[in-house]
Amino acid sequence: AAVTAVRKLEQAANSAISTADKSATERIAKNEEETSRLRECV
């Protein structure tokens, strides 16, 4: 029972980390795109 519960928690944590990773990657790409746009404008 403990191993099953811990595995569920690990899956939830991995899912949360994956979501945070995706979100951070998207924000980084958006920031890089904006900086590239500003560089071209300058």
Full PDB file with SEQRES, HELIX, SHEET, SSBOND, CRYST1, ORIGX, SCALE, CONECT and MASTER records, all heavy atoms in Angstrom:
SEQRES   1 A   42  ALA ALA VAL THR ALA VAL ARG LYS LEU GLU GLN ALA ALA          
SEQRES   2 A   42  ASN SER ALA ILE SER THR ALA ASP LYS SER ALA THR GLU          
SEQRES   3 A   42  ARG ILE ALA LYS ASN GLU GLU GLU THR SER ARG LEU ARG          
SEQRES   4 A   42  GLU CYS VAL                                                  
HELIX    1 AA1 ALA A    2  CYS A   41  1                                  40    
CRYST1    1.000    1.000    1.000  90.00  90.00  90.00 P 1           1          
ORIGX1      1.000000  0.000000  0.000000        0.00000                         
ORIGX2      0.000000  1.000000  0.000000        0.00000                         
ORIGX3      0.000000  0.000000  1.000000        0.00000                         
SCALE1      1.000000  0.000000  0.000000        0.00000                         
SCALE2      0.000000  1.000000  0.000000        0.00000                         
SCALE3      0.000000  0.000000  1.000000        0.00000                         
ATOM      1  N   ALA A   1       0.833  -1.209   0.000  1.00  0.00           N  
ATOM      2  CA  ALA A   1       0.000   0.000   0.000  1.00  0.00           C  
ATOM      3  C   ALA A   1       0.864   1.254   0.000  1.00  0.00           C  
ATOM      4  O   ALA A   1       0.586   2.218  -0.724  1.00  0.00           O  
ATOM      5  CB  ALA A   1      -0.935  -0.001   1.207  1.00  0.00           C  
ATOM      6  N   ALA A   2       1.937   1.255   0.796  1.00  0.00           N  
ATOM      7  CA  ALA A   2       2.830   2.420   0.858  1.00  0.00           C  
ATOM      8  C   ALA A   2       3.543   2.626  -0.474  1.00  0.00           C  
ATOM      9  O   ALA A   2       3.648   3.758  -0.967  1.00  0.00           O  
ATOM     10  CB  ALA A   2       3.846   2.249   1.987  1.00  0.00           C  
ATOM     11  N   VAL A   3       4.025   1.554  -1.078  1.00  0.00           N  
ATOM     12  CA  VAL A   3       4.723   1.671  -2.365  1.00  0.00           C  
ATOM     13  C   VAL A   3       3.770   2.191  -3.440  1.00  0.00           C  
ATOM     14  O   VAL A   3       4.124   3.065  -4.241  1.00  0.00           O  
ATOM     15  CB  VAL A   3       5.339   0.309  -2.779  1.00  0.00           C  
ATOM     16  CG1 VAL A   3       5.763   0.306  -4.229  1.00  0.00           C  
ATOM     17  CG2 VAL A   3       6.512  -0.022  -1.878  1.00  0.00           C  
ATOM     18  N   THR A   4       2.552   1.695  -3.450  1.00  0.00           N  
ATOM     19  CA  THR A   4       1.559   2.161  -4.424  1.00  0.00           C  
ATOM     20  C   THR A   4       1.276   3.646  -4.234  1.00  0.00           C  
ATOM     21  O   THR A   4       1.229   4.409  -5.212  1.00  0.00           O  
ATOM     22  CB  THR A   4       0.256   1.346  -4.292  1.00  0.00           C  
ATOM     23  OG1 THR A   4       0.558  -0.037  -4.489  1.00  0.00           O  
ATOM     24  CG2 THR A   4      -0.785   1.801  -5.281  1.00  0.00           C  
ATOM     25  N   ALA A   5       1.098   4.063  -2.994  1.00  0.00           N  
ATOM     26  CA  ALA A   5       0.820   5.478  -2.721  1.00  0.00           C  
ATOM     27  C   ALA A   5       2.004   6.357  -3.105  1.00  0.00           C  
ATOM     28  O   ALA A   5       1.827   7.431  -3.690  1.00  0.00           O  
ATOM     29  CB  ALA A   5       0.475   5.658  -1.246  1.00  0.00           C  
ATOM     30  N   VAL A   6       3.210   5.915  -2.791  1.00  0.00           N  
ATOM     31  CA  VAL A   6       4.405   6.700  -3.128  1.00  0.00           C  
ATOM     32  C   VAL A   6       4.561   6.784  -4.644  1.00  0.00           C  
ATOM     33  O   VAL A   6       4.911   7.845  -5.182  1.00  0.00           O  
ATOM     34  CB  VAL A   6       5.664   6.099  -2.456  1.00  0.00           C  
ATOM     35  CG1 VAL A   6       6.928   6.708  -3.008  1.00  0.00           C  
ATOM     36  CG2 VAL A   6       5.596   6.303  -0.952  1.00  0.00           C  
ATOM     37  N   ARG A   7       4.275   5.723  -5.363  1.00  0.00           N  
ATOM     38  CA  ARG A   7       4.352   5.764  -6.832  1.00  0.00           C  
ATOM     39  C   ARG A   7       3.352   6.758  -7.411  1.00  0.00           C  
ATOM     40  O   ARG A   7       3.644   7.468  -8.363  1.00  0.00           O  
ATOM     41  CB  ARG A   7       4.131   4.374  -7.420  1.00  0.00           C  
ATOM     42  CG  ARG A   7       5.345   3.499  -7.260  1.00  0.00           C  
ATOM     43  CD  ARG A   7       5.285   2.275  -8.133  1.00  0.00           C  
ATOM     44  NE  ARG A   7       6.500   1.503  -7.962  1.00  0.00           N  
ATOM     45  CZ  ARG A   7       6.533   0.189  -7.820  1.00  0.00           C  
ATOM     46  NH1 ARG A   7       5.416  -0.503  -7.872  1.00  0.00           N  
ATOM     47  NH2 ARG A   7       7.677  -0.436  -7.663  1.00  0.00           N  
ATOM     48  N   LYS A   8       2.154   6.800  -6.832  1.00  0.00           N  
ATOM     49  CA  LYS A   8       1.161   7.788  -7.288  1.00  0.00           C  
ATOM     50  C   LYS A   8       1.668   9.201  -7.051  1.00  0.00           C  
ATOM     51  O   LYS A   8       1.500  10.079  -7.891  1.00  0.00           O  
ATOM     52  CB  LYS A   8      -0.181   7.570  -6.575  1.00  0.00           C  
ATOM     53  CG  LYS A   8      -0.952   6.373  -7.073  1.00  0.00           C  
ATOM     54  CD  LYS A   8      -2.276   6.236  -6.336  1.00  0.00           C  
ATOM     55  CE  LYS A   8      -3.028   5.007  -6.789  1.00  0.00           C  
ATOM     56  NZ  LYS A   8      -4.277   4.814  -6.040  1.00  0.00           N  
ATOM     57  N   LEU A   9       2.273   9.420  -5.885  1.00  0.00           N  
ATOM     58  CA  LEU A   9       2.828  10.743  -5.584  1.00  0.00           C  
ATOM     59  C   LEU A   9       3.971  11.085  -6.532  1.00  0.00           C  
ATOM     60  O   LEU A   9       4.089  12.226  -6.984  1.00  0.00           O  
ATOM     61  CB  LEU A   9       3.313  10.802  -4.137  1.00  0.00           C  
ATOM     62  CG  LEU A   9       2.213  10.823  -3.082  1.00  0.00           C  
ATOM     63  CD1 LEU A   9       2.796  10.642  -1.683  1.00  0.00           C  
ATOM     64  CD2 LEU A   9       1.435  12.119  -3.154  1.00  0.00           C  
ATOM     65  N   GLU A  10       4.802  10.116  -6.836  1.00  0.00           N  
ATOM     66  CA  GLU A  10       5.897  10.346  -7.791  1.00  0.00           C  
ATOM     67  C   GLU A  10       5.348  10.721  -9.159  1.00  0.00           C  
ATOM     68  O   GLU A  10       5.871  11.633  -9.813  1.00  0.00           O  
ATOM     69  CB  GLU A  10       6.769   9.091  -7.921  1.00  0.00           C  
ATOM     70  CG  GLU A  10       7.684   8.845  -6.752  1.00  0.00           C  
ATOM     71  CD  GLU A  10       8.443   7.526  -6.881  1.00  0.00           C  
ATOM     72  OE1 GLU A  10       8.128   6.723  -7.793  1.00  0.00           O  
ATOM     73  OE2 GLU A  10       9.359   7.304  -6.078  1.00  0.00           O  
ATOM     74  N   GLN A  11       4.306  10.029  -9.594  1.00  0.00           N  
ATOM     75  CA  GLN A  11       3.696  10.343 -10.892  1.00  0.00           C  
ATOM     76  C   GLN A  11       3.123  11.749 -10.896  1.00  0.00           C  
ATOM     77  O   GLN A  11       3.276  12.492 -11.869  1.00  0.00           O  
ATOM     78  CB  GLN A  11       2.614   9.313 -11.239  1.00  0.00           C  
ATOM     79  CG  GLN A  11       3.168   7.949 -11.576  1.00  0.00           C  
ATOM     80  CD  GLN A  11       2.071   6.889 -11.721  1.00  0.00           C  
ATOM     81  OE1 GLN A  11       0.921   7.119 -11.360  1.00  0.00           O  
ATOM     82  NE2 GLN A  11       2.446   5.725 -12.239  1.00  0.00           N  
ATOM     83  N   ALA A  12       2.475  12.137  -9.806  1.00  0.00           N  
ATOM     84  CA  ALA A  12       1.917  13.491  -9.708  1.00  0.00           C  
ATOM     85  C   ALA A  12       3.043  14.531  -9.721  1.00  0.00           C  
ATOM     86  O   ALA A  12       2.939  15.564 -10.385  1.00  0.00           O  
ATOM     87  CB  ALA A  12       1.075  13.629  -8.441  1.00  0.00           C  
ATOM     88  N   ALA A  13       4.120  14.248  -8.989  1.00  0.00           N  
ATOM     89  CA  ALA A  13       5.259  15.173  -8.959  1.00  0.00           C  
ATOM     90  C   ALA A  13       5.905  15.274 -10.336  1.00  0.00           C  
ATOM     91  O   ALA A  13       6.233  16.371 -10.798  1.00  0.00           O  
ATOM     92  CB  ALA A  13       6.282  14.716  -7.919  1.00  0.00           C  
ATOM     93  N   ASN A  14       6.082  14.145 -10.994  1.00  0.00           N  
ATOM     94  CA  ASN A  14       6.669  14.156 -12.338  1.00  0.00           C  
ATOM     95  C   ASN A  14       5.793  14.925 -13.316  1.00  0.00           C  
ATOM     96  O   ASN A  14       6.297  15.652 -14.176  1.00  0.00           O  
ATOM     97  CB  ASN A  14       6.915  12.736 -12.839  1.00  0.00           C  
ATOM     98  CG  ASN A  14       8.069  12.066 -12.146  1.00  0.00           C  
ATOM     99  OD1 ASN A  14       8.936  12.723 -11.572  1.00  0.00           O  
ATOM    100  ND2 ASN A  14       8.099  10.753 -12.160  1.00  0.00           N  
ATOM    101  N   SER A  15       4.490  14.776 -13.181  1.00  0.00           N  
ATOM    102  CA  SER A  15       3.565  15.513 -14.040  1.00  0.00           C  
ATOM    103  C   SER A  15       3.684  17.015 -13.787  1.00  0.00           C  
ATOM    104  O   SER A  15       3.716  17.817 -14.725  1.00  0.00           O  
ATOM    105  CB  SER A  15       2.135  15.035 -13.779  1.00  0.00           C  
ATOM    106  OG  SER A  15       1.231  15.803 -14.524  1.00  0.00           O  
ATOM    107  N   ALA A  16       3.752  17.400 -12.512  1.00  0.00           N  
ATOM    108  CA  ALA A  16       3.885  18.824 -12.176  1.00  0.00           C  
ATOM    109  C   ALA A  16       5.207  19.386 -12.684  1.00  0.00           C  
ATOM    110  O   ALA A  16       5.254  20.503 -13.216  1.00  0.00           O  
ATOM    111  CB  ALA A  16       3.778  19.012 -10.663  1.00  0.00           C  
ATOM    112  N   ILE A  17       6.272  18.612 -12.563  1.00  0.00           N  
ATOM    113  CA  ILE A  17       7.580  19.056 -13.046  1.00  0.00           C  
ATOM    114  C   ILE A  17       7.571  19.175 -14.561  1.00  0.00           C  
ATOM    115  O   ILE A  17       8.104  20.131 -15.128  1.00  0.00           O  
ATOM    116  CB  ILE A  17       8.685  18.100 -12.550  1.00  0.00           C  
ATOM    117  CG1 ILE A  17       8.879  18.275 -11.046  1.00  0.00           C  
ATOM    118  CG2 ILE A  17       9.998  18.342 -13.291  1.00  0.00           C  
ATOM    119  CD1 ILE A  17       9.734  17.211 -10.403  1.00  0.00           C  
ATOM    120  N   SER A  18       6.938  18.230 -15.226  1.00  0.00           N  
ATOM    121  CA  SER A  18       6.846  18.274 -16.682  1.00  0.00           C  
ATOM    122  C   SER A  18       6.073  19.505 -17.147  1.00  0.00           C  
ATOM    123  O   SER A  18       6.468  20.179 -18.100  1.00  0.00           O  
ATOM    124  CB  SER A  18       6.170  17.001 -17.190  1.00  0.00           C  
ATOM    125  OG  SER A  18       5.997  17.052 -18.572  1.00  0.00           O  
ATOM    126  N   THR A  19       4.989  19.811 -16.462  1.00  0.00           N  
ATOM    127  CA  THR A  19       4.192  20.991 -16.790  1.00  0.00           C  
ATOM    128  C   THR A  19       5.003  22.262 -16.571  1.00  0.00           C  
ATOM    129  O   THR A  19       4.987  23.174 -17.409  1.00  0.00           O  
ATOM    130  CB  THR A  19       2.903  21.028 -15.939  1.00  0.00           C  
ATOM    131  OG1 THR A  19       2.164  19.839 -16.200  1.00  0.00           O  
ATOM    132  CG2 THR A  19       2.072  22.243 -16.241  1.00  0.00           C  
ATOM    133  N   ALA A  20       5.722  22.327 -15.449  1.00  0.00           N  
ATOM    134  CA  ALA A  20       6.556  23.503 -15.166  1.00  0.00           C  
ATOM    135  C   ALA A  20       7.668  23.638 -16.200  1.00  0.00           C  
ATOM    136  O   ALA A  20       7.990  24.753 -16.635  1.00  0.00           O  
ATOM    137  CB  ALA A  20       7.152  23.397 -13.761  1.00  0.00           C  
ATOM    138  N   ASP A  21       8.239  22.515 -16.608  1.00  0.00           N  
ATOM    139  CA  ASP A  21       9.295  22.535 -17.614  1.00  0.00           C  
ATOM    140  C   ASP A  21       8.767  23.065 -18.946  1.00  0.00           C  
ATOM    141  O   ASP A  21       9.398  23.909 -19.594  1.00  0.00           O  
ATOM    142  CB  ASP A  21       9.867  21.125 -17.791  1.00  0.00           C  
ATOM    143  CG  ASP A  21      11.024  21.085 -18.755  1.00  0.00           C  
ATOM    144  OD1 ASP A  21      11.936  21.931 -18.628  1.00  0.00           O  
ATOM    145  OD2 ASP A  21      11.019  20.217 -19.652  1.00  0.00           O  
ATOM    146  N   LYS A  22       7.601  22.576 -19.342  1.00  0.00           N  
ATOM    147  CA  LYS A  22       6.996  23.019 -20.597  1.00  0.00           C  
ATOM    148  C   LYS A  22       6.694  24.514 -20.547  1.00  0.00           C  
ATOM    149  O   LYS A  22       6.980  25.254 -21.494  1.00  0.00           O  
ATOM    150  CB  LYS A  22       5.723  22.228 -20.873  1.00  0.00           C  
ATOM    151  CG  LYS A  22       5.040  22.587 -22.166  1.00  0.00           C  
ATOM    152  CD  LYS A  22       3.786  21.765 -22.382  1.00  0.00           C  
ATOM    153  CE  LYS A  22       3.096  22.186 -23.668  1.00  0.00           C  
ATOM    154  NZ  LYS A  22       1.825  21.511 -23.845  1.00  0.00           N  
ATOM    155  N   SER A  23       6.137  24.952 -19.437  1.00  0.00           N  
ATOM    156  CA  SER A  23       5.788  26.367 -19.278  1.00  0.00           C  
ATOM    157  C   SER A  23       7.038  27.242 -19.313  1.00  0.00           C  
ATOM    158  O   SER A  23       7.053  28.288 -19.980  1.00  0.00           O  
ATOM    159  CB  SER A  23       5.044  26.553 -17.952  1.00  0.00           C  
ATOM    160  OG  SER A  23       4.801  27.902 -17.697  1.00  0.00           O  
ATOM    161  N   ALA A  24       8.082  26.824 -18.601  1.00  0.00           N  
ATOM    162  CA  ALA A  24       9.324  27.605 -18.581  1.00  0.00           C  
ATOM    163  C   ALA A  24       9.956  27.647 -19.966  1.00  0.00           C  
ATOM    164  O   ALA A  24      10.441  28.702 -20.405  1.00  0.00           O  
ATOM    165  CB  ALA A  24      10.302  27.006 -17.569  1.00  0.00           C  
ATOM    166  N   THR A  25       9.935  26.538 -20.663  1.00  0.00           N  
ATOM    167  CA  THR A  25      10.501  26.488 -22.017  1.00  0.00           C  
ATOM    168  C   THR A  25       9.742  27.429 -22.950  1.00  0.00           C  
ATOM    169  O   THR A  25      10.353  28.140 -23.753  1.00  0.00           O  
ATOM    170  CB  THR A  25      10.457  25.046 -22.559  1.00  0.00           C  
ATOM    171  OG1 THR A  25      11.184  24.197 -21.660  1.00  0.00           O  
ATOM    172  CG2 THR A  25      11.064  24.947 -23.937  1.00  0.00           C  
ATOM    173  N   GLU A  26       8.425  27.448 -22.819  1.00  0.00           N  
ATOM    174  CA  GLU A  26       7.623  28.346 -23.647  1.00  0.00           C  
ATOM    175  C   GLU A  26       7.917  29.811 -23.334  1.00  0.00           C  
ATOM    176  O   GLU A  26       8.031  30.639 -24.244  1.00  0.00           O  
ATOM    177  CB  GLU A  26       6.129  28.059 -23.453  1.00  0.00           C  
ATOM    178  CG  GLU A  26       5.682  26.754 -24.077  1.00  0.00           C  
ATOM    179  CD  GLU A  26       4.256  26.371 -23.710  1.00  0.00           C  
ATOM    180  OE1 GLU A  26       3.616  27.066 -22.884  1.00  0.00           O  
ATOM    181  OE2 GLU A  26       3.779  25.345 -24.245  1.00  0.00           O  
ATOM    182  N   ARG A  27       8.041  30.144 -22.039  1.00  0.00           N  
ATOM    183  CA  ARG A  27       8.351  31.532 -21.662  1.00  0.00           C  
ATOM    184  C   ARG A  27       9.734  31.944 -22.151  1.00  0.00           C  
ATOM    185  O   ARG A  27       9.923  33.072 -22.617  1.00  0.00           O  
ATOM    186  CB  ARG A  27       8.231  31.713 -20.151  1.00  0.00           C  
ATOM    187  CG  ARG A  27       6.798  31.733 -19.648  1.00  0.00           C  
ATOM    188  CD  ARG A  27       6.688  32.195 -18.208  1.00  0.00           C  
ATOM    189  NE  ARG A  27       7.543  31.485 -17.282  1.00  0.00           N  
ATOM    190  CZ  ARG A  27       7.207  30.389 -16.618  1.00  0.00           C  
ATOM    191  NH1 ARG A  27       6.008  29.868 -16.769  1.00  0.00           N  
ATOM    192  NH2 ARG A  27       8.058  29.811 -15.783  1.00  0.00           N  
ATOM    193  N   ILE A  28      10.698  31.034 -22.065  1.00  0.00           N  
ATOM    194  CA  ILE A  28      12.050  31.334 -22.543  1.00  0.00           C  
ATOM    195  C   ILE A  28      12.026  31.579 -24.043  1.00  0.00           C  
ATOM    196  O   ILE A  28      12.639  32.534 -24.538  1.00  0.00           O  
ATOM    197  CB  ILE A  28      13.025  30.195 -22.162  1.00  0.00           C  
ATOM    198  CG1 ILE A  28      13.296  30.226 -20.655  1.00  0.00           C  
ATOM    199  CG2 ILE A  28      14.333  30.310 -22.940  1.00  0.00           C  
ATOM    200  CD1 ILE A  28      14.045  29.023 -20.139  1.00  0.00           C  
ATOM    201  N   ALA A  29      11.317  30.738 -24.781  1.00  0.00           N  
ATOM    202  CA  ALA A  29      11.220  30.911 -26.240  1.00  0.00           C  
ATOM    203  C   ALA A  29      10.555  32.246 -26.581  1.00  0.00           C  
ATOM    204  O   ALA A  29      10.995  32.954 -27.502  1.00  0.00           O  
ATOM    205  CB  ALA A  29      10.447  29.757 -26.861  1.00  0.00           C  
ATOM    206  N   LYS A  30       9.505  32.601 -25.843  1.00  0.00           N  
ATOM    207  CA  LYS A  30       8.806  33.871 -26.078  1.00  0.00           C  
ATOM    208  C   LYS A  30       9.742  35.053 -25.802  1.00  0.00           C  
ATOM    209  O   LYS A  30       9.776  36.015 -26.576  1.00  0.00           O  
ATOM    210  CB  LYS A  30       7.564  33.948 -25.197  1.00  0.00           C  
ATOM    211  CG  LYS A  30       6.718  35.169 -25.439  1.00  0.00           C  
ATOM    212  CD  LYS A  30       5.483  35.147 -24.566  1.00  0.00           C  
ATOM    213  CE  LYS A  30       4.666  36.424 -24.760  1.00  0.00           C  
ATOM    214  NZ  LYS A  30       3.511  36.461 -23.867  1.00  0.00           N  
ATOM    215  N   ASN A  31      10.497  34.971 -24.709  1.00  0.00           N  
ATOM    216  CA  ASN A  31      11.446  36.046 -24.384  1.00  0.00           C  
ATOM    217  C   ASN A  31      12.536  36.163 -25.446  1.00  0.00           C  
ATOM    218  O   ASN A  31      12.928  37.275 -25.823  1.00  0.00           O  
ATOM    219  CB  ASN A  31      12.073  35.815 -23.008  1.00  0.00           C  
ATOM    220  CG  ASN A  31      11.104  36.045 -21.872  1.00  0.00           C  
ATOM    221  OD1 ASN A  31      10.088  36.716 -22.033  1.00  0.00           O  
ATOM    222  ND2 ASN A  31      11.405  35.481 -20.725  1.00  0.00           N  
ATOM    223  N   GLU A  32      13.033  35.025 -25.921  1.00  0.00           N  
ATOM    224  CA  GLU A  32      14.070  35.042 -26.964  1.00  0.00           C  
ATOM    225  C   GLU A  32      13.513  35.639 -28.262  1.00  0.00           C  
ATOM    226  O   GLU A  32      14.205  36.392 -28.951  1.00  0.00           O  
ATOM    227  CB  GLU A  32      14.607  33.630 -27.217  1.00  0.00           C  
ATOM    228  CG  GLU A  32      15.504  33.118 -26.116  1.00  0.00           C  
ATOM    229  CD  GLU A  32      15.925  31.682 -26.312  1.00  0.00           C  
ATOM    230  OE1 GLU A  32      15.400  30.995 -27.235  1.00  0.00           O  
ATOM    231  OE2 GLU A  32      16.790  31.219 -25.546  1.00  0.00           O  
ATOM    232  N   GLU A  33      12.270  35.309 -28.567  1.00  0.00           N  
ATOM    233  CA  GLU A  33      11.631  35.854 -29.769  1.00  0.00           C  
ATOM    234  C   GLU A  33      11.501  37.382 -29.659  1.00  0.00           C  
ATOM    235  O   GLU A  33      11.786  38.102 -30.618  1.00  0.00           O  
ATOM    236  CB  GLU A  33      10.254  35.213 -29.933  1.00  0.00           C  
ATOM    237  CG  GLU A  33       9.516  35.613 -31.176  1.00  0.00           C  
ATOM    238  CD  GLU A  33       8.174  34.908 -31.258  1.00  0.00           C  
ATOM    239  OE1 GLU A  33       8.149  33.667 -31.177  1.00  0.00           O  
ATOM    240  OE2 GLU A  33       7.156  35.620 -31.401  1.00  0.00           O  
ATOM    241  N   GLU A  34      11.077  37.853 -28.495  1.00  0.00           N  
ATOM    242  CA  GLU A  34      10.934  39.303 -28.289  1.00  0.00           C  
ATOM    243  C   GLU A  34      12.288  40.006 -28.365  1.00  0.00           C  
ATOM    244  O   GLU A  34      12.409  41.067 -28.988  1.00  0.00           O  
ATOM    245  CB  GLU A  34      10.266  39.577 -26.932  1.00  0.00           C  
ATOM    246  CG  GLU A  34      10.152  41.042 -26.562  1.00  0.00           C  
ATOM    247  CD  GLU A  34       9.228  41.846 -27.472  1.00  0.00           C  
ATOM    248  OE1 GLU A  34       8.484  41.248 -28.274  1.00  0.00           O  
ATOM    249  OE2 GLU A  34       9.264  43.083 -27.386  1.00  0.00           O  
ATOM    250  N   THR A  35      13.305  39.407 -27.773  1.00  0.00           N  
ATOM    251  CA  THR A  35      14.641  40.004 -27.831  1.00  0.00           C  
ATOM    252  C   THR A  35      15.153  40.027 -29.263  1.00  0.00           C  
ATOM    253  O   THR A  35      15.746  41.018 -29.698  1.00  0.00           O  
ATOM    254  CB  THR A  35      15.622  39.238 -26.910  1.00  0.00           C  
ATOM    255  OG1 THR A  35      15.110  39.274 -25.574  1.00  0.00           O  
ATOM    256  CG2 THR A  35      17.001  39.848 -26.931  1.00  0.00           C  
ATOM    257  N   SER A  36      14.912  38.969 -30.015  1.00  0.00           N  
ATOM    258  CA  SER A  36      15.317  38.942 -31.431  1.00  0.00           C  
ATOM    259  C   SER A  36      14.608  40.034 -32.213  1.00  0.00           C  
ATOM    260  O   SER A  36      15.215  40.704 -33.062  1.00  0.00           O  
ATOM    261  CB  SER A  36      15.006  37.580 -32.053  1.00  0.00           C  
ATOM    262  OG  SER A  36      15.783  36.587 -31.480  1.00  0.00           O  
ATOM    263  N   ARG A  37      13.327  40.218 -31.926  1.00  0.00           N  
ATOM    264  CA  ARG A  37      12.565  41.274 -32.589  1.00  0.00           C  
ATOM    265  C   ARG A  37      13.154  42.647 -32.270  1.00  0.00           C  
ATOM    266  O   ARG A  37      13.335  43.488 -33.157  1.00  0.00           O  
ATOM    267  CB  ARG A  37      11.098  41.225 -32.159  1.00  0.00           C  
ATOM    268  CG  ARG A  37      10.199  42.178 -32.943  1.00  0.00           C  
ATOM    269  CD  ARG A  37       8.823  42.300 -32.327  1.00  0.00           C  
ATOM    270  NE  ARG A  37       8.804  42.938 -31.027  1.00  0.00           N  
ATOM    271  CZ  ARG A  37       8.958  44.259 -30.815  1.00  0.00           C  
ATOM    272  NH1 ARG A  37       9.173  45.066 -31.826  1.00  0.00           N  
ATOM    273  NH2 ARG A  37       8.916  44.741 -29.606  1.00  0.00           N  
ATOM    274  N   LEU A  38      13.493  42.853 -30.994  1.00  0.00           N  
ATOM    275  CA  LEU A  38      14.084  44.136 -30.595  1.00  0.00           C  
ATOM    276  C   LEU A  38      15.467  44.332 -31.230  1.00  0.00           C  
ATOM    277  O   LEU A  38      15.807  45.445 -31.653  1.00  0.00           O  
ATOM    278  CB  LEU A  38      14.181  44.219 -29.068  1.00  0.00           C  
ATOM    279  CG  LEU A  38      12.860  44.346 -28.325  1.00  0.00           C  
ATOM    280  CD1 LEU A  38      13.081  44.225 -26.821  1.00  0.00           C  
ATOM    281  CD2 LEU A  38      12.165  45.647 -28.681  1.00  0.00           C  
ATOM    282  N   ARG A  39      16.255  43.278 -31.288  1.00  0.00           N  
ATOM    283  CA  ARG A  39      17.576  43.385 -31.932  1.00  0.00           C  
ATOM    284  C   ARG A  39      17.439  43.797 -33.397  1.00  0.00           C  
ATOM    285  O   ARG A  39      18.190  44.641 -33.882  1.00  0.00           O  
ATOM    286  CB  ARG A  39      18.310  42.042 -31.863  1.00  0.00           C  
ATOM    287  CG  ARG A  39      18.880  41.700 -30.535  1.00  0.00           C  
ATOM    288  CD  ARG A  39      19.607  40.345 -30.633  1.00  0.00           C  
ATOM    289  NE  ARG A  39      19.816  39.770 -29.346  1.00  0.00           N  
ATOM    290  CZ  ARG A  39      20.767  40.133 -28.505  1.00  0.00           C  
ATOM    291  NH1 ARG A  39      21.584  41.102 -28.840  1.00  0.00           N  
ATOM    292  NH2 ARG A  39      20.892  39.555 -27.334  1.00  0.00           N  
ATOM    293  N   GLU A  40      16.499  43.173 -34.100  1.00  0.00           N  
ATOM    294  CA  GLU A  40      16.286  43.486 -35.515  1.00  0.00           C  
ATOM    295  C   GLU A  40      15.809  44.930 -35.663  1.00  0.00           C  
ATOM    296  O   GLU A  40      16.261  45.650 -36.567  1.00  0.00           O  
ATOM    297  CB  GLU A  40      15.270  42.507 -36.130  1.00  0.00           C  
ATOM    298  CG  GLU A  40      15.074  42.671 -37.606  1.00  0.00           C  
ATOM    299  CD  GLU A  40      16.314  42.378 -38.433  1.00  0.00           C  
ATOM    300  OE1 GLU A  40      17.265  41.759 -37.934  1.00  0.00           O  
ATOM    301  OE2 GLU A  40      16.325  42.796 -39.612  1.00  0.00           O  
ATOM    302  N   CYS A  41      14.956  45.363 -34.803  1.00  0.00           N  
ATOM    303  CA  CYS A  41      14.456  46.732 -34.828  1.00  0.00           C  
ATOM    304  C   CYS A  41      15.602  47.730 -34.614  1.00  0.00           C  
ATOM    305  O   CYS A  41      15.707  48.731 -35.328  1.00  0.00           O  
ATOM    306  CB  CYS A  41      13.387  46.898 -33.744  1.00  0.00           C  
ATOM    307  SG  CYS A  41      12.652  48.518 -33.634  1.00  0.00           S  
ATOM    308  N   VAL A  42      16.488  47.434 -33.659  1.00  0.00           N  
ATOM    309  CA  VAL A  42      17.647  48.309 -33.402  1.00  0.00           C  
ATOM    310  C   VAL A  42      18.597  48.263 -34.590  1.00  0.00           C  
ATOM    311  O   VAL A  42      19.120  49.293 -35.028  1.00  0.00           O  
ATOM    312  CB  VAL A  42      18.366  47.897 -32.087  1.00  0.00           C  
ATOM    313  CG1 VAL A  42      19.712  48.578 -31.959  1.00  0.00           C  
ATOM    314  CG2 VAL A  42      17.485  48.215 -30.889  1.00  0.00           C  
TER     315      VAL A  42                                                      
MASTER        0    0    0    1    0    0    0    6  314    1    0    4          
END                                                                             
